[in-house]
Amino acid sequence: MRTVFALPFLVPLLLATSPGKATDLHQFWEQTCGDCHPHAGAFAQRFLTVKDGKLQGRHHTDDLIVFLQHHHLPQNLVRPMYEMLLAQASTGPRFKERCGRCHESAADLARESLVARDGVLHGRESGRPVAEFLPRHAKLGLTPEDVTFFTDLLTRVEREVHSGG
């Protein structure tokens, strides 16, 4: 009886993680991991570290991939989730600090307003490349280094929300 009751809740999860179908990693985290862990970026920055290019947890320092393979993740999302957490642990909260007044999160911005075309990130509505738009965006006074940083960050996040890694 419990299996029949649980089935309607599992079907969307299984469909979202089926091979060949893109998974929004940030949405998956919020829906699946969010009950126990804070926002993925905050979690990665607070509880994970990067040593010699590898992601480490406080309790799982040897091989976090092995831990993730046995921690509520479909196998096809283990590597993309690891890569997302690695990037977040390696990146300070610059988006939240500089852009958070107007944009809830980089994932929401990417999900709703950005699209990659031929490897270049564009505004969904304007069609303009983000790297060309950012220097004059909202009078933030972005340096060329800032533009590169935010373009790279948003390109990565767009890939995480639209293609699962």
N, C-alpha and C. Protein backbone atom coordinates (compact mmCIF):
# COMPACT_ATOMS: atom_id res chain seq x y z
N MET A 1 0.81 -1.19 0.00
CA MET A 1 0.00 0.00 0.00
C MET A 1 0.87 1.27 0.00
N ARG A 2 1.95 1.25 0.77
CA ARG A 2 2.84 2.42 0.79
C ARG A 2 3.45 2.68 -0.58
N THR A 3 3.79 1.62 -1.30
CA THR A 3 4.37 1.76 -2.63
C THR A 3 3.41 2.47 -3.56
N VAL A 4 2.15 2.09 -3.54
CA VAL A 4 1.15 2.73 -4.38
C VAL A 4 1.00 4.20 -4.00
N PHE A 5 1.03 4.50 -2.71
CA PHE A 5 0.92 5.88 -2.25
C PHE A 5 2.13 6.70 -2.69
N ALA A 6 3.31 6.15 -2.65
CA ALA A 6 4.54 6.87 -2.98
C ALA A 6 4.73 7.05 -4.48
N LEU A 7 4.15 6.19 -5.28
CA LEU A 7 4.36 6.21 -6.72
C LEU A 7 4.08 7.57 -7.36
N PRO A 8 2.96 8.24 -7.06
CA PRO A 8 2.73 9.56 -7.70
C PRO A 8 3.82 10.58 -7.38
N PHE A 9 4.45 10.46 -6.22
CA PHE A 9 5.51 11.39 -5.86
C PHE A 9 6.83 11.05 -6.52
N LEU A 10 7.04 9.79 -6.83
CA LEU A 10 8.30 9.35 -7.43
C LEU A 10 8.33 9.55 -8.94
N VAL A 11 7.18 9.48 -9.60
CA VAL A 11 7.15 9.57 -11.06
C VAL A 11 7.80 10.84 -11.58
N PRO A 12 7.47 12.05 -11.07
CA PRO A 12 8.15 13.25 -11.58
C PRO A 12 9.65 13.22 -11.35
N LEU A 13 10.06 12.67 -10.23
CA LEU A 13 11.49 12.58 -9.92
C LEU A 13 12.19 11.65 -10.89
N LEU A 14 11.56 10.51 -11.18
CA LEU A 14 12.15 9.55 -12.11
C LEU A 14 12.18 10.10 -13.53
N LEU A 15 11.12 10.77 -13.94
CA LEU A 15 11.10 11.36 -15.27
C LEU A 15 12.15 12.45 -15.43
N ALA A 16 12.34 13.24 -14.39
CA ALA A 16 13.30 14.35 -14.45
C ALA A 16 14.73 13.86 -14.50
N THR A 17 14.96 12.62 -14.13
CA THR A 17 16.33 12.12 -14.09
C THR A 17 16.56 10.98 -15.07
N SER A 18 15.67 10.79 -16.01
CA SER A 18 15.84 9.70 -16.96
C SER A 18 16.96 10.03 -17.92
N PRO A 19 17.66 9.01 -18.42
CA PRO A 19 18.77 9.25 -19.35
C PRO A 19 18.30 10.03 -20.58
N GLY A 20 19.10 10.96 -21.04
CA GLY A 20 18.79 11.73 -22.23
C GLY A 20 17.93 12.95 -21.96
N LYS A 21 17.39 13.07 -20.78
CA LYS A 21 16.56 14.23 -20.43
C LYS A 21 17.35 15.16 -19.53
N ALA A 22 17.32 16.44 -19.86
CA ALA A 22 18.04 17.42 -19.05
C ALA A 22 17.39 17.54 -17.68
N THR A 23 18.21 17.73 -16.68
CA THR A 23 17.74 17.93 -15.31
C THR A 23 18.26 19.26 -14.82
N ASP A 24 17.38 20.06 -14.27
CA ASP A 24 17.77 21.31 -13.65
C ASP A 24 18.38 20.95 -12.30
N LEU A 25 19.71 20.98 -12.22
CA LEU A 25 20.41 20.56 -11.01
C LEU A 25 20.02 21.39 -9.79
N HIS A 26 19.82 22.68 -9.99
CA HIS A 26 19.46 23.55 -8.88
C HIS A 26 18.06 23.23 -8.37
N GLN A 27 17.13 22.99 -9.29
CA GLN A 27 15.78 22.62 -8.89
C GLN A 27 15.78 21.25 -8.22
N PHE A 28 16.56 20.31 -8.76
CA PHE A 28 16.67 18.99 -8.15
C PHE A 28 17.17 19.12 -6.71
N TRP A 29 18.21 19.94 -6.51
CA TRP A 29 18.74 20.15 -5.16
C TRP A 29 17.64 20.69 -4.24
N GLU A 30 16.94 21.73 -4.70
CA GLU A 30 15.89 22.34 -3.88
C GLU A 30 14.81 21.34 -3.50
N GLN A 31 14.39 20.51 -4.46
CA GLN A 31 13.28 19.59 -4.23
C GLN A 31 13.71 18.32 -3.49
N THR A 32 14.93 17.88 -3.70
CA THR A 32 15.35 16.60 -3.14
C THR A 32 16.28 16.76 -1.95
N CYS A 33 17.21 17.68 -2.02
CA CYS A 33 18.22 17.83 -0.97
C CYS A 33 17.84 18.94 0.02
N GLY A 34 16.99 19.85 -0.44
CA GLY A 34 16.66 21.04 0.34
C GLY A 34 15.98 20.79 1.67
N ASP A 35 15.37 19.63 1.84
CA ASP A 35 14.74 19.34 3.14
C ASP A 35 15.78 19.21 4.25
N CYS A 36 16.96 18.74 3.89
CA CYS A 36 18.01 18.52 4.91
C CYS A 36 19.16 19.53 4.80
N HIS A 37 19.38 20.07 3.61
CA HIS A 37 20.53 20.94 3.37
C HIS A 37 20.07 22.30 2.88
N PRO A 38 20.79 23.38 3.25
CA PRO A 38 20.43 24.71 2.74
C PRO A 38 20.68 24.81 1.24
N HIS A 39 20.40 25.96 0.68
CA HIS A 39 20.66 26.24 -0.74
C HIS A 39 22.02 25.65 -1.12
N ALA A 40 22.13 25.08 -2.30
CA ALA A 40 23.35 24.38 -2.72
C ALA A 40 24.59 25.25 -2.61
N GLY A 41 24.52 26.51 -3.04
CA GLY A 41 25.68 27.39 -2.96
C GLY A 41 26.10 27.64 -1.52
N ALA A 42 25.13 27.95 -0.68
CA ALA A 42 25.43 28.19 0.74
C ALA A 42 25.97 26.91 1.39
N PHE A 43 25.39 25.78 1.04
CA PHE A 43 25.85 24.50 1.57
C PHE A 43 27.31 24.23 1.17
N ALA A 44 27.59 24.40 -0.12
CA ALA A 44 28.94 24.12 -0.62
C ALA A 44 29.97 25.05 0.03
N GLN A 45 29.62 26.32 0.15
CA GLN A 45 30.56 27.28 0.72
C GLN A 45 30.76 27.09 2.22
N ARG A 46 29.76 26.56 2.89
CA ARG A 46 29.86 26.39 4.34
C ARG A 46 30.43 25.03 4.75
N PHE A 47 30.05 23.97 4.05
CA PHE A 47 30.37 22.62 4.51
C PHE A 47 31.38 21.87 3.65
N LEU A 48 31.71 22.39 2.48
CA LEU A 48 32.63 21.69 1.58
C LEU A 48 33.88 22.53 1.36
N THR A 49 34.98 21.85 1.07
CA THR A 49 36.22 22.54 0.74
C THR A 49 36.79 21.92 -0.53
N VAL A 50 37.71 22.64 -1.13
CA VAL A 50 38.39 22.15 -2.32
C VAL A 50 39.86 22.02 -1.98
N LYS A 51 40.38 20.83 -2.15
CA LYS A 51 41.79 20.57 -1.88
C LYS A 51 42.38 19.84 -3.07
N ASP A 52 43.43 20.43 -3.65
CA ASP A 52 44.07 19.86 -4.83
C ASP A 52 43.06 19.61 -5.95
N GLY A 53 42.09 20.53 -6.10
CA GLY A 53 41.11 20.43 -7.16
C GLY A 53 39.99 19.44 -6.91
N LYS A 54 39.98 18.83 -5.72
CA LYS A 54 38.95 17.84 -5.40
C LYS A 54 38.05 18.38 -4.28
N LEU A 55 36.79 18.05 -4.40
CA LEU A 55 35.81 18.46 -3.42
C LEU A 55 35.84 17.53 -2.22
N GLN A 56 35.83 18.13 -1.02
CA GLN A 56 35.84 17.34 0.20
C GLN A 56 34.75 17.82 1.14
N GLY A 57 34.16 16.86 1.84
CA GLY A 57 33.22 17.18 2.90
C GLY A 57 33.93 17.10 4.23
N ARG A 58 33.29 17.56 5.25
CA ARG A 58 33.89 17.49 6.59
C ARG A 58 34.11 16.06 7.03
N HIS A 59 33.17 15.20 6.73
CA HIS A 59 33.25 13.81 7.16
C HIS A 59 33.68 12.87 6.04
N HIS A 60 33.58 13.33 4.82
CA HIS A 60 33.90 12.48 3.67
C HIS A 60 35.03 13.15 2.89
N THR A 61 36.23 12.96 3.39
CA THR A 61 37.37 13.66 2.79
C THR A 61 38.05 12.86 1.70
N ASP A 62 37.90 11.55 1.72
CA ASP A 62 38.63 10.72 0.75
C ASP A 62 38.04 10.79 -0.65
N ASP A 63 36.77 10.50 -0.79
CA ASP A 63 36.16 10.46 -2.11
C ASP A 63 34.69 10.82 -2.01
N LEU A 64 34.40 12.09 -2.23
CA LEU A 64 33.04 12.56 -2.12
C LEU A 64 32.15 11.97 -3.21
N ILE A 65 32.72 11.60 -4.34
CA ILE A 65 31.95 10.96 -5.41
C ILE A 65 31.32 9.66 -4.89
N VAL A 66 32.09 8.86 -4.19
CA VAL A 66 31.56 7.59 -3.65
C VAL A 66 30.42 7.88 -2.68
N PHE A 67 30.60 8.88 -1.84
CA PHE A 67 29.53 9.25 -0.92
C PHE A 67 28.27 9.66 -1.69
N LEU A 68 28.43 10.51 -2.70
CA LEU A 68 27.27 10.98 -3.47
C LEU A 68 26.56 9.83 -4.18
N GLN A 69 27.31 8.82 -4.59
CA GLN A 69 26.70 7.67 -5.27
C GLN A 69 25.75 6.91 -4.35
N HIS A 70 25.89 7.10 -3.06
CA HIS A 70 25.06 6.39 -2.09
C HIS A 70 24.22 7.34 -1.25
N HIS A 71 24.00 8.56 -1.75
CA HIS A 71 23.30 9.55 -0.94
C HIS A 71 22.17 10.21 -1.73
N HIS A 72 21.13 9.46 -2.01
CA HIS A 72 19.88 9.98 -2.58
C HIS A 72 20.00 10.62 -3.95
N LEU A 73 21.00 10.26 -4.72
CA LEU A 73 21.15 10.81 -6.07
C LEU A 73 21.04 9.70 -7.10
N PRO A 74 20.30 9.92 -8.18
CA PRO A 74 20.35 8.97 -9.29
C PRO A 74 21.78 8.96 -9.84
N GLN A 75 22.23 7.84 -10.30
CA GLN A 75 23.62 7.71 -10.76
C GLN A 75 23.98 8.70 -11.86
N ASN A 76 23.02 9.03 -12.74
CA ASN A 76 23.33 9.95 -13.84
C ASN A 76 23.50 11.40 -13.36
N LEU A 77 23.18 11.67 -12.09
CA LEU A 77 23.35 13.03 -11.57
C LEU A 77 24.53 13.16 -10.61
N VAL A 78 25.20 12.06 -10.30
CA VAL A 78 26.31 12.11 -9.33
C VAL A 78 27.41 13.03 -9.83
N ARG A 79 27.91 12.81 -11.02
CA ARG A 79 29.01 13.62 -11.54
C ARG A 79 28.58 15.08 -11.77
N PRO A 80 27.43 15.34 -12.42
CA PRO A 80 27.02 16.74 -12.58
C PRO A 80 26.81 17.46 -11.24
N MET A 81 26.25 16.78 -10.25
CA MET A 81 26.04 17.42 -8.94
C MET A 81 27.38 17.69 -8.27
N TYR A 82 28.30 16.75 -8.38
CA TYR A 82 29.65 16.94 -7.83
C TYR A 82 30.30 18.17 -8.46
N GLU A 83 30.21 18.28 -9.79
CA GLU A 83 30.81 19.41 -10.50
C GLU A 83 30.16 20.73 -10.09
N MET A 84 28.84 20.72 -9.91
CA MET A 84 28.14 21.92 -9.48
C MET A 84 28.61 22.34 -8.09
N LEU A 85 28.67 21.39 -7.16
CA LEU A 85 29.10 21.70 -5.80
C LEU A 85 30.56 22.13 -5.77
N LEU A 86 31.40 21.52 -6.59
CA LEU A 86 32.80 21.91 -6.69
C LEU A 86 32.92 23.37 -7.14
N ALA A 87 32.16 23.72 -8.16
CA ALA A 87 32.19 25.11 -8.64
C ALA A 87 31.68 26.07 -7.57
N GLN A 88 30.64 25.69 -6.87
CA GLN A 88 30.08 26.57 -5.84
C GLN A 88 31.02 26.70 -4.65
N ALA A 89 31.68 25.62 -4.28
CA ALA A 89 32.63 25.69 -3.16
C ALA A 89 33.85 26.52 -3.54
N SER A 90 34.14 26.60 -4.82
CA SER A 90 35.30 27.34 -5.32
C SER A 90 34.99 28.82 -5.58
N THR A 91 33.73 29.19 -5.50
CA THR A 91 33.30 30.53 -5.86
C THR A 91 32.67 31.21 -4.65
N GLY A 92 33.15 32.36 -4.32
CA GLY A 92 32.55 33.12 -3.22
C GLY A 92 31.16 33.61 -3.60
N PRO A 93 30.47 34.24 -2.67
CA PRO A 93 29.09 34.69 -2.90
C PRO A 93 28.99 36.01 -3.65
N ARG A 94 29.83 36.20 -4.67
CA ARG A 94 29.84 37.48 -5.40
C ARG A 94 28.51 37.78 -6.08
N PHE A 95 27.86 36.75 -6.63
CA PHE A 95 26.58 37.01 -7.29
C PHE A 95 25.57 37.54 -6.29
N LYS A 96 25.48 36.89 -5.16
CA LYS A 96 24.53 37.32 -4.13
C LYS A 96 24.86 38.74 -3.66
N GLU A 97 26.13 39.02 -3.47
CA GLU A 97 26.56 40.33 -2.97
C GLU A 97 26.33 41.43 -3.99
N ARG A 98 26.66 41.17 -5.25
CA ARG A 98 26.59 42.22 -6.28
C ARG A 98 25.24 42.29 -6.98
N CYS A 99 24.56 41.14 -7.10
CA CYS A 99 23.37 41.08 -7.93
C CYS A 99 22.09 40.75 -7.15
N GLY A 100 22.26 40.34 -5.90
CA GLY A 100 21.15 39.84 -5.10
C GLY A 100 20.05 40.84 -4.81
N ARG A 101 20.34 42.11 -4.94
CA ARG A 101 19.31 43.11 -4.69
C ARG A 101 18.19 43.01 -5.73
N CYS A 102 18.56 42.65 -6.96
CA CYS A 102 17.57 42.58 -8.04
C CYS A 102 17.27 41.14 -8.48
N HIS A 103 18.23 40.25 -8.33
CA HIS A 103 18.07 38.88 -8.80
C HIS A 103 18.11 37.93 -7.62
N GLU A 104 17.07 37.13 -7.46
CA GLU A 104 16.96 36.19 -6.33
C GLU A 104 18.15 35.24 -6.29
N SER A 105 18.46 34.64 -7.44
CA SER A 105 19.60 33.72 -7.51
C SER A 105 20.09 33.64 -8.94
N ALA A 106 21.32 33.19 -9.10
CA ALA A 106 21.87 32.99 -10.44
C ALA A 106 21.07 31.92 -11.18
N ALA A 107 20.62 30.89 -10.46
CA ALA A 107 19.84 29.82 -11.09
C ALA A 107 18.52 30.36 -11.62
N ASP A 108 17.83 31.18 -10.83
CA ASP A 108 16.57 31.75 -11.30
C ASP A 108 16.79 32.64 -12.51
N LEU A 109 17.83 33.46 -12.47
CA LEU A 109 18.14 34.33 -13.60
C LEU A 109 18.42 33.50 -14.85
N ALA A 110 19.26 32.47 -14.71
CA ALA A 110 19.60 31.63 -15.85
C ALA A 110 18.38 30.89 -16.38
N ARG A 111 17.58 30.36 -15.47
CA ARG A 111 16.40 29.59 -15.84
C ARG A 111 15.40 30.44 -16.62
N GLU A 112 15.19 31.66 -16.18
CA GLU A 112 14.14 32.50 -16.75
C GLU A 112 14.61 33.42 -17.88
N SER A 113 15.87 33.84 -17.86
CA SER A 113 16.27 34.93 -18.75
C SER A 113 17.45 34.66 -19.65
N LEU A 114 18.13 33.52 -19.52
CA LEU A 114 19.34 33.29 -20.29
C LEU A 114 19.25 32.03 -21.13
N VAL A 115 19.97 32.04 -22.22
CA VAL A 115 20.03 30.87 -23.10
C VAL A 115 21.41 30.84 -23.77
N ALA A 116 21.96 29.65 -23.91
CA ALA A 116 23.24 29.50 -24.61
C ALA A 116 22.97 29.18 -26.08
N ARG A 117 23.63 29.93 -26.94
CA ARG A 117 23.53 29.69 -28.38
C ARG A 117 24.93 29.57 -28.93
N ASP A 118 25.24 28.41 -29.48
CA ASP A 118 26.57 28.15 -30.04
C ASP A 118 27.67 28.45 -29.03
N GLY A 119 27.43 28.09 -27.77
CA GLY A 119 28.43 28.25 -26.72
C GLY A 119 28.55 29.65 -26.15
N VAL A 120 27.67 30.57 -26.58
CA VAL A 120 27.71 31.95 -26.08
C VAL A 120 26.41 32.22 -25.33
N LEU A 121 26.53 32.78 -24.15
CA LEU A 121 25.36 33.08 -23.33
C LEU A 121 24.69 34.36 -23.80
N HIS A 122 23.36 34.29 -23.99
CA HIS A 122 22.57 35.42 -24.47
C HIS A 122 21.40 35.67 -23.55
N GLY A 123 20.92 36.91 -23.57
CA GLY A 123 19.65 37.23 -22.93
C GLY A 123 18.55 36.60 -23.75
N ARG A 124 17.63 35.92 -23.10
CA ARG A 124 16.55 35.22 -23.81
C ARG A 124 15.70 36.19 -24.62
N GLU A 125 15.32 37.32 -24.03
CA GLU A 125 14.44 38.27 -24.73
C GLU A 125 15.19 39.18 -25.69
N SER A 126 16.32 39.72 -25.24
CA SER A 126 17.04 40.69 -26.06
C SER A 126 17.86 40.02 -27.16
N GLY A 127 18.30 38.80 -26.90
CA GLY A 127 19.16 38.11 -27.86
C GLY A 127 20.60 38.59 -27.81
N ARG A 128 20.89 39.55 -26.95
CA ARG A 128 22.24 40.11 -26.85
C ARG A 128 23.15 39.19 -26.05
N PRO A 129 24.40 39.07 -26.44
CA PRO A 129 25.36 38.30 -25.64
C PRO A 129 25.53 38.95 -24.26
N VAL A 130 25.53 38.15 -23.23
CA VAL A 130 25.63 38.64 -21.86
C VAL A 130 26.93 39.42 -21.66
N ALA A 131 28.02 38.96 -22.24
CA ALA A 131 29.31 39.64 -22.08
C ALA A 131 29.27 41.07 -22.64
N GLU A 132 28.43 41.32 -23.63
CA GLU A 132 28.29 42.67 -24.18
C GLU A 132 27.33 43.51 -23.35
N PHE A 133 26.37 42.87 -22.73
CA PHE A 133 25.34 43.55 -21.95
C PHE A 133 25.83 43.97 -20.56
N LEU A 134 26.61 43.12 -19.91
CA LEU A 134 27.00 43.34 -18.52
C LEU A 134 27.77 44.63 -18.24
N PRO A 135 28.67 45.09 -19.10
CA PRO A 135 29.43 46.29 -18.76
C PRO A 135 28.57 47.51 -18.44
N ARG A 136 27.37 47.58 -19.02
CA ARG A 136 26.50 48.73 -18.78
C ARG A 136 25.26 48.35 -17.97
N HIS A 137 25.24 47.16 -17.40
CA HIS A 137 24.05 46.67 -16.71
C HIS A 137 23.87 47.31 -15.33
N ALA A 138 22.75 47.94 -15.12
CA ALA A 138 22.32 48.46 -13.82
C ALA A 138 23.35 49.33 -13.12
N LYS A 139 24.21 49.94 -13.89
CA LYS A 139 25.22 50.85 -13.32
C LYS A 139 26.02 50.21 -12.19
N LEU A 140 26.33 48.94 -12.36
CA LEU A 140 27.10 48.22 -11.34
C LEU A 140 28.57 48.62 -11.33
N GLY A 141 29.01 49.24 -12.41
CA GLY A 141 30.42 49.60 -12.48
C GLY A 141 31.31 48.37 -12.54
N LEU A 142 30.96 47.44 -13.42
CA LEU A 142 31.73 46.21 -13.52
C LEU A 142 33.03 46.43 -14.29
N THR A 143 34.09 45.90 -13.73
CA THR A 143 35.39 45.92 -14.42
C THR A 143 35.38 44.82 -15.48
N PRO A 144 36.32 44.85 -16.42
CA PRO A 144 36.42 43.75 -17.38
C PRO A 144 36.57 42.39 -16.69
N GLU A 145 37.30 42.36 -15.56
CA GLU A 145 37.44 41.11 -14.80
C GLU A 145 36.10 40.67 -14.24
N ASP A 146 35.30 41.62 -13.74
CA ASP A 146 33.96 41.30 -13.24
C ASP A 146 33.08 40.73 -14.35
N VAL A 147 33.13 41.35 -15.52
CA VAL A 147 32.32 40.90 -16.65
C VAL A 147 32.69 39.46 -17.00
N THR A 148 33.97 39.17 -17.05
CA THR A 148 34.41 37.80 -17.33
C THR A 148 33.94 36.84 -16.25
N PHE A 149 34.11 37.24 -14.99
CA PHE A 149 33.69 36.38 -13.88
C PHE A 149 32.19 36.08 -13.96
N PHE A 150 31.36 37.10 -14.09
CA PHE A 150 29.91 36.89 -14.08
C PHE A 150 29.43 36.19 -15.35
N THR A 151 30.06 36.46 -16.47
CA THR A 151 29.70 35.74 -17.70
C THR A 151 30.02 34.25 -17.54
N ASP A 152 31.19 33.93 -17.02
CA ASP A 152 31.56 32.53 -16.80
C ASP A 152 30.62 31.86 -15.79
N LEU A 153 30.35 32.56 -14.69
CA LEU A 153 29.46 32.01 -13.67
C LEU A 153 28.07 31.74 -14.24
N LEU A 154 27.51 32.72 -14.94
CA LEU A 154 26.17 32.55 -15.48
C LEU A 154 26.13 31.51 -16.60
N THR A 155 27.20 31.39 -17.36
CA THR A 155 27.26 30.34 -18.38
C THR A 155 27.23 28.97 -17.73
N ARG A 156 27.99 28.81 -16.65
CA ARG A 156 27.99 27.53 -15.92
C ARG A 156 26.61 27.25 -15.34
N VAL A 157 26.01 28.23 -14.71
CA VAL A 157 24.71 28.04 -14.07
C VAL A 157 23.64 27.76 -15.13
N GLU A 158 23.70 28.44 -16.26
CA GLU A 158 22.74 28.17 -17.34
C GLU A 158 22.84 26.72 -17.78
N ARG A 159 24.04 26.21 -17.90
CA ARG A 159 24.26 24.81 -18.27
C ARG A 159 23.69 23.88 -17.18
N GLU A 160 23.85 24.24 -15.92
CA GLU A 160 23.34 23.42 -14.82
C GLU A 160 21.82 23.38 -14.76
N VAL A 161 21.16 24.48 -15.14
CA VAL A 161 19.70 24.48 -15.07
C VAL A 161 19.05 23.98 -16.35
N HIS A 162 19.72 24.11 -17.50
CA HIS A 162 19.11 23.70 -18.75
C HIS A 162 19.59 22.38 -19.30
N SER A 163 20.74 21.93 -18.89
CA SER A 163 21.21 20.65 -19.44
C SER A 163 21.76 19.71 -18.39
N GLY A 164 21.65 20.06 -17.12
CA GLY A 164 22.05 19.14 -16.06
C GLY A 164 23.54 19.01 -15.89
N GLY A 165 24.29 20.00 -16.21
CA GLY A 165 25.72 19.94 -15.94
C GLY A 165 26.48 20.59 -17.00
